[in-house]
Amino acid sequence: MIIKNKISDKEIERNLWFINNLKKIKKAIILILIISCLIIYAFAIFGFIKFFTEKDVELDNFASVKFENKTRPQNLVVQDQQIINRGDGKYDVVITIQNPNEKFFAKEVKYKIVISGIQTQEKTTFIMPGETKKIVELSIPSANLIDDVDISFIEIAWYRIKQKDVEKLKEQVFEIKEQSININPEDRSIRNWIEFKVKNISPYNLKQSKFYVFLYVGSQIVATNQIEQTYFKSNEERNMQSSWYYVLPSYATLEVQYETNLLDKNNYFIETK
């Protein structure tokens, strides 16, 4: 007999090893498959738990997702601190802060105003993604001249905003118009006041909104006040005023800012007939 393809000793050894270890190979393959399945199930269970335990705020088309350590927000930035001496032993304080994060909402900012090294009572505010806002503290009594003020952030609850909602939060809510300044700089006893109109141009009926007025001489704030409004309906227009009974310069300029929490589902109401 003539054998065309002779089998080598190495091939015979490999085949014998394979036959002798066939059961072990099968066990190893089964073990790998079991481990792979466990890993896949573990990821699935983790995703399931995460989906149902995240704190979401959903209202209309807005949503926020609780902050995770994977992407940390930048700290709030203090841009300016100003002190207004009202001349009656009381002071107003205005501190400008900025949220440098375009996708993180500071839902709850616990803070204390620090006056000449002494902390005042703890208060709470919020600040939208990318927003610059002023924190106003009115009528602070002091027998001594206040010439130093700061802010201490106690705790900040961060929430990440979904990408599709970031631009919607930048839409204008209120239109400020027909601003008028009425100042008599010669007579302290006469009321100085400003007036303006506000229209809710958003599609939302809002339970709580605040309007802050600032009178400037250059970059210095010489007077401030806040006006609280409740149950401000969509397309509604209101007249507002603010008064001061101390000397103000007639050439002061006016700025009005508003504050309302669009990410608080409890800040909305449905109009009933």
C-alpha atoms as a PDB file:
ATOM      1  CA  MET A   1       0.000   0.000   0.000  1.00  0.00           C
ATOM      2  CA  ILE A   2       1.230   3.464  -0.879  1.00  0.00           C
ATOM      3  CA  ILE A   3       0.368   6.271   1.680  1.00  0.00           C
ATOM      4  CA  LYS A   4       0.349   9.649  -0.041  1.00  0.00           C
ATOM      5  CA  ASN A   5      -0.019  11.893   3.075  1.00  0.00           C
ATOM      6  CA  LYS A   6       1.870  10.481   5.992  1.00  0.00           C
ATOM      7  CA  ILE A   7       0.606  11.632   9.462  1.00  0.00           C
ATOM      8  CA  SER A   8       3.347  13.163  11.564  1.00  0.00           C
ATOM      9  CA  ASP A   9       4.047  12.280  15.192  1.00  0.00           C
ATOM     10  CA  LYS A  10       3.150  15.854  16.289  1.00  0.00           C
ATOM     11  CA  GLU A  11      -0.297  15.635  14.703  1.00  0.00           C
ATOM     12  CA  ILE A  12      -0.883  12.313  16.409  1.00  0.00           C
ATOM     13  CA  GLU A  13       0.137  13.862  19.761  1.00  0.00           C
ATOM     14  CA  ARG A  14      -2.170  16.880  19.284  1.00  0.00           C
ATOM     15  CA  ASN A  15      -5.133  14.651  18.412  1.00  0.00           C
ATOM     16  CA  LEU A  16      -4.488  12.366  21.370  1.00  0.00           C
ATOM     17  CA  TRP A  17      -4.230  15.423  23.702  1.00  0.00           C
ATOM     18  CA  PHE A  18      -7.492  16.807  22.332  1.00  0.00           C
ATOM     19  CA  ILE A  19      -9.283  13.469  22.811  1.00  0.00           C
ATOM     20  CA  ASN A  20      -7.914  13.059  26.346  1.00  0.00           C
ATOM     21  CA  ASN A  21      -8.841  16.646  27.364  1.00  0.00           C
ATOM     22  CA  LEU A  22     -12.143  16.952  25.526  1.00  0.00           C
ATOM     23  CA  LYS A  23     -14.189  16.922  28.742  1.00  0.00           C
ATOM     24  CA  LYS A  24     -12.013  19.631  30.315  1.00  0.00           C
ATOM     25  CA  ILE A  25     -12.329  21.807  27.213  1.00  0.00           C
ATOM     26  CA  LYS A  26     -16.115  21.473  27.282  1.00  0.00           C
ATOM     27  CA  LYS A  27     -16.188  22.423  30.994  1.00  0.00           C
ATOM     28  CA  ALA A  28     -13.969  25.471  30.337  1.00  0.00           C
ATOM     29  CA  ILE A  29     -16.236  26.666  27.494  1.00  0.00           C
ATOM     30  CA  ILE A  30     -19.352  26.199  29.651  1.00  0.00           C
ATOM     31  CA  LEU A  31     -17.695  28.088  32.533  1.00  0.00           C
ATOM     32  CA  ILE A  32     -16.782  31.013  30.240  1.00  0.00           C
ATOM     33  CA  LEU A  33     -20.351  31.151  28.914  1.00  0.00           C
ATOM     34  CA  ILE A  34     -21.783  31.136  32.451  1.00  0.00           C
ATOM     35  CA  ILE A  35     -19.457  33.973  33.554  1.00  0.00           C
ATOM     36  CA  SER A  36     -20.367  35.996  30.433  1.00  0.00           C
ATOM     37  CA  CYS A  37     -24.077  35.542  31.140  1.00  0.00           C
ATOM     38  CA  LEU A  38     -23.615  36.616  34.771  1.00  0.00           C
ATOM     39  CA  ILE A  39     -21.778  39.775  33.684  1.00  0.00           C
ATOM     40  CA  ILE A  40     -24.533  40.634  31.179  1.00  0.00           C
ATOM     41  CA  TYR A  41     -27.257  40.055  33.790  1.00  0.00           C
ATOM     42  CA  ALA A  42     -25.346  42.145  36.347  1.00  0.00           C
ATOM     43  CA  PHE A  43     -25.208  45.103  33.941  1.00  0.00           C
ATOM     44  CA  ALA A  44     -28.896  44.671  33.120  1.00  0.00           C
ATOM     45  CA  ILE A  45     -29.894  44.619  36.811  1.00  0.00           C
ATOM     46  CA  PHE A  46     -27.708  47.667  37.526  1.00  0.00           C
ATOM     47  CA  GLY A  47     -29.344  49.595  34.696  1.00  0.00           C
ATOM     48  CA  PHE A  48     -32.810  48.554  35.893  1.00  0.00           C
ATOM     49  CA  ILE A  49     -32.108  49.693  39.480  1.00  0.00           C
ATOM     50  CA  LYS A  50     -30.546  52.956  38.278  1.00  0.00           C
ATOM     51  CA  PHE A  51     -33.560  53.742  36.081  1.00  0.00           C
ATOM     52  CA  PHE A  52     -36.035  53.404  38.948  1.00  0.00           C
ATOM     53  CA  THR A  53     -33.941  55.023  41.698  1.00  0.00           C
ATOM     54  CA  GLU A  54     -32.762  58.194  39.952  1.00  0.00           C
ATOM     55  CA  LYS A  55     -34.536  61.355  41.148  1.00  0.00           C
ATOM     56  CA  ASP A  56     -36.139  62.877  38.100  1.00  0.00           C
ATOM     57  CA  VAL A  57     -37.989  66.173  37.873  1.00  0.00           C
ATOM     58  CA  GLU A  58     -40.408  65.999  34.967  1.00  0.00           C
ATOM     59  CA  LEU A  59     -42.836  68.714  34.002  1.00  0.00           C
ATOM     60  CA  ASP A  60     -44.065  69.290  30.493  1.00  0.00           C
ATOM     61  CA  ASN A  61     -40.911  68.908  28.380  1.00  0.00           C
ATOM     62  CA  PHE A  62     -38.442  69.627  31.197  1.00  0.00           C
ATOM     63  CA  ALA A  63     -36.451  66.931  32.994  1.00  0.00           C
ATOM     64  CA  SER A  64     -33.435  66.691  35.255  1.00  0.00           C
ATOM     65  CA  VAL A  65     -31.305  63.778  36.364  1.00  0.00           C
ATOM     66  CA  LYS A  66     -29.614  63.532  39.754  1.00  0.00           C
ATOM     67  CA  PHE A  67     -25.910  64.353  39.701  1.00  0.00           C
ATOM     68  CA  GLU A  68     -23.480  61.417  39.521  1.00  0.00           C
ATOM     69  CA  ASN A  69     -19.785  61.498  40.438  1.00  0.00           C
ATOM     70  CA  LYS A  70     -18.744  60.572  36.880  1.00  0.00           C
ATOM     71  CA  THR A  71     -19.066  64.204  35.749  1.00  0.00           C
ATOM     72  CA  ARG A  72     -18.607  66.823  38.419  1.00  0.00           C
ATOM     73  CA  PRO A  73     -20.038  70.347  38.079  1.00  0.00           C
ATOM     74  CA  GLN A  74     -17.846  73.387  38.563  1.00  0.00           C
ATOM     75  CA  ASN A  75     -18.320  75.441  41.729  1.00  0.00           C
ATOM     76  CA  LEU A  76     -20.509  78.540  41.772  1.00  0.00           C
ATOM     77  CA  VAL A  77     -18.566  81.729  41.080  1.00  0.00           C
ATOM     78  CA  VAL A  78     -18.966  84.884  43.194  1.00  0.00           C
ATOM     79  CA  GLN A  79     -18.622  87.789  40.758  1.00  0.00           C
ATOM     80  CA  ASP A  80     -19.497  90.853  42.825  1.00  0.00           C
ATOM     81  CA  GLN A  81     -20.461  92.003  46.320  1.00  0.00           C
ATOM     82  CA  GLN A  82     -22.121  95.357  46.970  1.00  0.00           C
ATOM     83  CA  ILE A  83     -23.359  97.132  50.096  1.00  0.00           C
ATOM     84  CA  ILE A  84     -26.035  99.844  50.019  1.00  0.00           C
ATOM     85  CA  ASN A  85     -26.158 102.194  53.003  1.00  0.00           C
ATOM     86  CA  ARG A  86     -29.776 103.309  53.364  1.00  0.00           C
ATOM     87  CA  GLY A  87     -28.857 106.009  55.874  1.00  0.00           C
ATOM     88  CA  ASP A  88     -31.278 104.818  58.578  1.00  0.00           C
ATOM     89  CA  GLY A  89     -29.002 102.332  60.332  1.00  0.00           C
ATOM     90  CA  LYS A  90     -29.956  99.618  57.842  1.00  0.00           C
ATOM     91  CA  TYR A  91     -28.121  98.170  54.867  1.00  0.00           C
ATOM     92  CA  ASP A  92     -28.996  96.225  51.738  1.00  0.00           C
ATOM     93  CA  VAL A  93     -26.578  93.650  50.338  1.00  0.00           C
ATOM     94  CA  VAL A  94     -26.393  92.415  46.743  1.00  0.00           C
ATOM     95  CA  ILE A  95     -24.116  89.494  45.830  1.00  0.00           C
ATOM     96  CA  THR A  96     -23.812  88.372  42.209  1.00  0.00           C
ATOM     97  CA  ILE A  97     -23.160  84.663  41.630  1.00  0.00           C
ATOM     98  CA  GLN A  98     -22.803  82.657  38.439  1.00  0.00           C
ATOM     99  CA  ASN A  99     -23.430  79.016  37.616  1.00  0.00           C
ATOM    100  CA  PRO A 100     -20.699  78.201  35.034  1.00  0.00           C
ATOM    101  CA  ASN A 101     -22.286  74.834  34.244  1.00  0.00           C
ATOM    102  CA  GLU A 102     -24.481  74.728  31.134  1.00  0.00           C
ATOM    103  CA  LYS A 103     -25.919  71.303  31.988  1.00  0.00           C
ATOM    104  CA  PHE A 104     -26.123  71.381  35.788  1.00  0.00           C
ATOM    105  CA  PHE A 105     -28.992  72.929  37.752  1.00  0.00           C
ATOM    106  CA  ALA A 106     -28.269  73.982  41.337  1.00  0.00           C
ATOM    107  CA  LYS A 107     -31.676  72.936  42.614  1.00  0.00           C
ATOM    108  CA  GLU A 108     -31.030  73.838  46.242  1.00  0.00           C
ATOM    109  CA  VAL A 109     -28.256  76.205  47.316  1.00  0.00           C
ATOM    110  CA  LYS A 110     -27.983  76.605  51.088  1.00  0.00           C
ATOM    111  CA  TYR A 111     -25.968  79.692  51.978  1.00  0.00           C
ATOM    112  CA  LYS A 112     -25.204  82.290  54.631  1.00  0.00           C
ATOM    113  CA  ILE A 113     -24.349  85.944  54.089  1.00  0.00           C
ATOM    114  CA  VAL A 114     -21.155  86.869  55.975  1.00  0.00           C
ATOM    115  CA  ILE A 115     -21.109  90.464  57.244  1.00  0.00           C
ATOM    116  CA  SER A 116     -17.837  91.670  58.789  1.00  0.00           C
ATOM    117  CA  GLY A 117     -16.924  88.045  59.496  1.00  0.00           C
ATOM    118  CA  ILE A 118     -20.273  87.174  61.146  1.00  0.00           C
ATOM    119  CA  GLN A 119     -22.613  84.730  59.410  1.00  0.00           C
ATOM    120  CA  THR A 120     -26.319  85.527  59.137  1.00  0.00           C
ATOM    121  CA  GLN A 121     -29.202  83.041  59.175  1.00  0.00           C
ATOM    122  CA  GLU A 122     -29.052  80.212  56.633  1.00  0.00           C
ATOM    123  CA  LYS A 123     -31.207  80.676  53.534  1.00  0.00           C
ATOM    124  CA  THR A 124     -31.925  78.722  50.354  1.00  0.00           C
ATOM    125  CA  THR A 125     -32.016  79.654  46.689  1.00  0.00           C
ATOM    126  CA  PHE A 126     -31.562  78.010  43.283  1.00  0.00           C
ATOM    127  CA  ILE A 127     -29.674  78.896  40.123  1.00  0.00           C
ATOM    128  CA  MET A 128     -30.353  77.722  36.586  1.00  0.00           C
ATOM    129  CA  PRO A 129     -27.672  76.279  34.260  1.00  0.00           C
ATOM    130  CA  GLY A 130     -25.393  79.031  32.944  1.00  0.00           C
ATOM    131  CA  GLU A 131     -27.328  81.697  34.871  1.00  0.00           C
ATOM    132  CA  THR A 132     -25.907  84.793  36.547  1.00  0.00           C
ATOM    133  CA  LYS A 133     -28.174  85.978  39.351  1.00  0.00           C
ATOM    134  CA  LYS A 134     -28.134  88.413  42.243  1.00  0.00           C
ATOM    135  CA  ILE A 135     -28.806  87.370  45.818  1.00  0.00           C
ATOM    136  CA  VAL A 136     -30.434  90.259  47.690  1.00  0.00           C
ATOM    137  CA  GLU A 137     -30.531  90.721  51.459  1.00  0.00           C
ATOM    138  CA  LEU A 138     -32.655  93.694  52.519  1.00  0.00           C
ATOM    139  CA  SER A 139     -32.798  95.906  55.635  1.00  0.00           C
ATOM    140  CA  ILE A 140     -29.883  94.487  57.613  1.00  0.00           C
ATOM    141  CA  PRO A 141     -29.690  96.480  60.867  1.00  0.00           C
ATOM    142  CA  SER A 142     -26.229  97.476  62.093  1.00  0.00           C
ATOM    143  CA  ALA A 143     -25.031 100.052  64.620  1.00  0.00           C
ATOM    144  CA  ASN A 144     -21.613  99.968  62.934  1.00  0.00           C
ATOM    145  CA  LEU A 145     -20.672 100.760  59.358  1.00  0.00           C
ATOM    146  CA  ILE A 146     -20.798  97.632  57.167  1.00  0.00           C
ATOM    147  CA  ASP A 147     -17.874  97.647  54.759  1.00  0.00           C
ATOM    148  CA  ASP A 148     -17.217  93.933  54.247  1.00  0.00           C
ATOM    149  CA  VAL A 149     -19.617  91.297  52.933  1.00  0.00           C
ATOM    150  CA  ASP A 150     -19.261  87.791  51.515  1.00  0.00           C
ATOM    151  CA  ILE A 151     -21.278  84.614  50.967  1.00  0.00           C
ATOM    152  CA  SER A 152     -20.657  81.119  52.334  1.00  0.00           C
ATOM    153  CA  PHE A 153     -22.171  78.161  50.453  1.00  0.00           C
ATOM    154  CA  ILE A 154     -23.197  75.520  52.990  1.00  0.00           C
ATOM    155  CA  GLU A 155     -24.547  72.827  50.652  1.00  0.00           C
ATOM    156  CA  ILE A 156     -25.486  72.607  46.971  1.00  0.00           C
ATOM    157  CA  ALA A 157     -27.761  69.941  45.445  1.00  0.00           C
ATOM    158  CA  TRP A 158     -26.739  69.554  41.795  1.00  0.00           C
ATOM    159  CA  TYR A 159     -28.921  67.998  39.102  1.00  0.00           C
ATOM    160  CA  ARG A 160     -27.817  67.284  35.548  1.00  0.00           C
ATOM    161  CA  ILE A 161     -30.148  68.621  32.843  1.00  0.00           C
ATOM    162  CA  LYS A 162     -30.843  66.579  29.736  1.00  0.00           C
ATOM    163  CA  GLN A 163     -29.358  68.055  26.565  1.00  0.00           C
ATOM    164  CA  LYS A 164     -32.722  68.515  24.827  1.00  0.00           C
ATOM    165  CA  ASP A 165     -33.916  70.754  27.683  1.00  0.00           C
ATOM    166  CA  VAL A 166     -30.894  73.041  28.072  1.00  0.00           C
ATOM    167  CA  GLU A 167     -31.921  75.473  25.333  1.00  0.00           C
ATOM    168  CA  LYS A 168     -35.561  75.545  26.481  1.00  0.00           C
ATOM    169  CA  LEU A 169     -34.493  76.836  29.898  1.00  0.00           C
ATOM    170  CA  LYS A 170     -32.891  79.869  28.216  1.00  0.00           C
ATOM    171  CA  GLU A 171     -36.170  81.052  26.727  1.00  0.00           C
ATOM    172  CA  GLN A 172     -37.516  84.331  28.092  1.00  0.00           C
ATOM    173  CA  VAL A 173     -40.331  83.981  30.627  1.00  0.00           C
ATOM    174  CA  PHE A 174     -41.279  87.591  31.385  1.00  0.00           C
ATOM    175  CA  GLU A 175     -41.163  90.713  29.257  1.00  0.00           C
ATOM    176  CA  ILE A 176     -40.227  93.887  31.175  1.00  0.00           C
ATOM    177  CA  LYS A 177     -41.436  97.103  29.534  1.00  0.00           C
ATOM    178  CA  GLU A 178     -42.427 100.760  30.049  1.00  0.00           C
ATOM    179  CA  GLN A 179     -39.889 101.361  32.815  1.00  0.00           C
ATOM    180  CA  SER A 180     -40.125 104.756  34.523  1.00  0.00           C
ATOM    181  CA  ILE A 181     -37.928 106.387  37.222  1.00  0.00           C
ATOM    182  CA  ASN A 182     -39.362 109.068  39.521  1.00  0.00           C
ATOM    183  CA  ILE A 183     -36.698 110.561  41.789  1.00  0.00           C
ATOM    184  CA  ASN A 184     -36.613 113.786  43.798  1.00  0.00           C
ATOM    185  CA  PRO A 185     -32.980 114.152  44.945  1.00  0.00           C
ATOM    186  CA  GLU A 186     -33.630 117.323  46.983  1.00  0.00           C
ATOM    187  CA  ASP A 187     -36.183 116.166  49.537  1.00  0.00           C
ATOM    188  CA  ARG A 188     -35.523 113.100  51.717  1.00  0.00           C
ATOM    189  CA  SER A 189     -39.137 112.994  52.913  1.00  0.00           C
ATOM    190  CA  ILE A 190     -40.581 112.608  49.416  1.00  0.00           C
ATOM    191  CA  ARG A 191     -41.027 109.152  47.997  1.00  0.00           C
ATOM    192  CA  ASN A 192     -38.709 108.061  45.196  1.00  0.00           C
ATOM    193  CA  TRP A 193     -40.137 105.289  43.095  1.00  0.00           C
ATOM    194  CA  ILE A 194     -39.912 103.312  39.898  1.00  0.00           C
ATOM    195  CA  GLU A 195     -42.688 101.622  37.946  1.00  0.00           C
ATOM    196  CA  PHE A 196     -42.824  99.172  35.078  1.00  0.00           C
ATOM    197  CA  LYS A 197     -45.020  96.579  33.392  1.00  0.00           C
ATOM    198  CA  VAL A 198     -44.437  92.838  33.298  1.00  0.00           C
ATOM    199  CA  LYS A 199     -46.011  90.341  30.910  1.00  0.00           C
ATOM    200  CA  ASN A 200     -45.767  86.563  31.240  1.00  0.00           C
ATOM    201  CA  ILE A 201     -44.861  85.605  27.664  1.00  0.00           C
ATOM    202  CA  SER A 202     -44.246  81.935  28.503  1.00  0.00           C
ATOM    203  CA  PRO A 203     -46.879  79.182  28.107  1.00  0.00           C
ATOM    204  CA  TYR A 204     -46.740  78.496  31.868  1.00  0.00           C
ATOM    205  CA  ASN A 205     -48.933  79.610  34.757  1.00  0.00           C
ATOM    206  CA  LEU A 206     -46.472  80.244  37.588  1.00  0.00           C
ATOM    207  CA  LYS A 207     -47.284  80.163  41.294  1.00  0.00           C
ATOM    208  CA  GLN A 208     -44.212  82.000  42.596  1.00  0.00           C
ATOM    209  CA  SER A 209     -42.057  84.630  40.897  1.00  0.00           C
ATOM    210  CA  LYS A 210     -39.825  87.417  42.170  1.00  0.00           C
ATOM    211  CA  PHE A 211     -38.743  90.649  40.526  1.00  0.00           C
ATOM    212  CA  TYR A 212     -35.617  92.481  41.660  1.00  0.00           C
ATOM    213  CA  VAL A 213     -35.083  96.165  40.893  1.00  0.00           C
ATOM    214  CA  PHE A 214     -31.657  97.828  40.955  1.00  0.00           C
ATOM    215  CA  LEU A 215     -30.788 101.500  40.594  1.00  0.00           C
ATOM    216  CA  TYR A 216     -27.231 102.068  39.367  1.00  0.00           C
ATOM    217  CA  VAL A 217     -24.799 104.954  39.225  1.00  0.00           C
ATOM    218  CA  GLY A 218     -22.181 103.553  36.910  1.00  0.00           C
ATOM    219  CA  SER A 219     -21.510 100.028  38.178  1.00  0.00           C
ATOM    220  CA  GLN A 220     -22.476 100.864  41.770  1.00  0.00           C
ATOM    221  CA  ILE A 221     -25.920  99.826  43.037  1.00  0.00           C
ATOM    222  CA  VAL A 222     -27.475 102.692  45.043  1.00  0.00           C
ATOM    223  CA  ALA A 223     -30.919 101.169  45.680  1.00  0.00           C
ATOM    224  CA  THR A 224     -32.544  97.752  45.416  1.00  0.00           C
ATOM    225  CA  ASN A 225     -35.790  96.042  46.269  1.00  0.00           C
ATOM    226  CA  GLN A 226     -37.738  92.887  45.539  1.00  0.00           C
ATOM    227  CA  ILE A 227     -41.351  92.371  44.474  1.00  0.00           C
ATOM    228  CA  GLU A 228     -42.991  88.991  45.004  1.00  0.00           C
ATOM    229  CA  GLN A 229     -45.806  87.883  42.692  1.00  0.00           C
ATOM    230  CA  THR A 230     -48.072  84.855  42.981  1.00  0.00           C
ATOM    231  CA  TYR A 231     -50.220  82.992  40.464  1.00  0.00           C
ATOM    232  CA  PHE A 232     -48.942  84.828  37.402  1.00  0.00           C
ATOM    233  CA  LYS A 233     -50.872  83.413  34.441  1.00  0.00           C
ATOM    234  CA  SER A 234     -49.561  82.961  30.917  1.00  0.00           C
ATOM    235  CA  ASN A 235     -50.095  86.102  28.768  1.00  0.00           C
ATOM    236  CA  GLU A 236     -51.108  88.091  31.846  1.00  0.00           C
ATOM    237  CA  GLU A 237     -49.709  91.628  32.240  1.00  0.00           C
ATOM    238  CA  ARG A 238     -49.212  93.414  35.572  1.00  0.00           C
ATOM    239  CA  ASN A 239     -48.150  96.883  36.730  1.00  0.00           C
ATOM    240  CA  MET A 240     -45.436  96.999  39.419  1.00  0.00           C
ATOM    241  CA  GLN A 241     -43.853  99.682  41.617  1.00  0.00           C
ATOM    242  CA  SER A 242     -41.030  99.950  44.118  1.00  0.00           C
ATOM    243  CA  SER A 243     -40.314 102.858  46.504  1.00  0.00           C
ATOM    244  CA  TRP A 244     -37.456 104.305  48.591  1.00  0.00           C
ATOM    245  CA  TYR A 245     -37.535 107.112  51.164  1.00  0.00           C
ATOM    246  CA  TYR A 246     -33.906 108.206  51.124  1.00  0.00           C
ATOM    247  CA  VAL A 247     -31.836 110.455  48.869  1.00  0.00           C
ATOM    248  CA  LEU A 248     -31.147 109.042  45.410  1.00  0.00           C
ATOM    249  CA  PRO A 249     -29.419 110.640  42.421  1.00  0.00           C
ATOM    250  CA  SER A 250     -31.757 111.680  39.620  1.00  0.00           C
ATOM    251  CA  TYR A 251     -29.368 110.280  36.993  1.00  0.00           C
ATOM    252  CA  ALA A 252     -29.549 106.709  38.309  1.00  0.00           C
ATOM    253  CA  THR A 253     -30.333 103.969  35.770  1.00  0.00           C
ATOM    254  CA  LEU A 254     -32.774 101.125  36.281  1.00  0.00           C
ATOM    255  CA  GLU A 255     -32.382  97.367  35.871  1.00  0.00           C
ATOM    256  CA  VAL A 256     -35.130  94.779  36.537  1.00  0.00           C
ATOM    257  CA  GLN A 257     -34.455  91.054  36.850  1.00  0.00           C
ATOM    258  CA  TYR A 258     -36.866  88.196  37.460  1.00  0.00           C
ATOM    259  CA  GLU A 259     -36.584  84.863  39.215  1.00  0.00           C
ATOM    260  CA  THR A 260     -38.877  81.843  38.814  1.00  0.00           C
ATOM    261  CA  ASN A 261     -38.127  78.144  39.089  1.00  0.00           C
ATOM    262  CA  LEU A 262     -39.068  76.389  35.852  1.00  0.00           C
ATOM    263  CA  LEU A 263     -37.723  73.074  37.136  1.00  0.00           C
ATOM    264  CA  ASP A 264     -40.006  72.920  40.166  1.00  0.00           C
ATOM    265  CA  LYS A 265     -43.174  71.042  39.225  1.00  0.00           C
ATOM    266  CA  ASN A 266     -44.906  72.593  42.236  1.00  0.00           C
ATOM    267  CA  ASN A 267     -44.391  76.055  40.736  1.00  0.00           C
ATOM    268  CA  TYR A 268     -47.044  75.446  38.078  1.00  0.00           C
ATOM    269  CA  PHE A 269     -50.807  75.694  38.312  1.00  0.00           C
ATOM    270  CA  ILE A 270     -53.696  74.948  35.973  1.00  0.00           C
ATOM    271  CA  GLU A 271     -56.151  77.780  35.441  1.00  0.00           C
ATOM    272  CA  THR A 272     -59.663  76.870  36.478  1.00  0.00           C
ATOM    273  CA  LYS A 273     -62.740  78.629  35.182  1.00  0.00           C
END
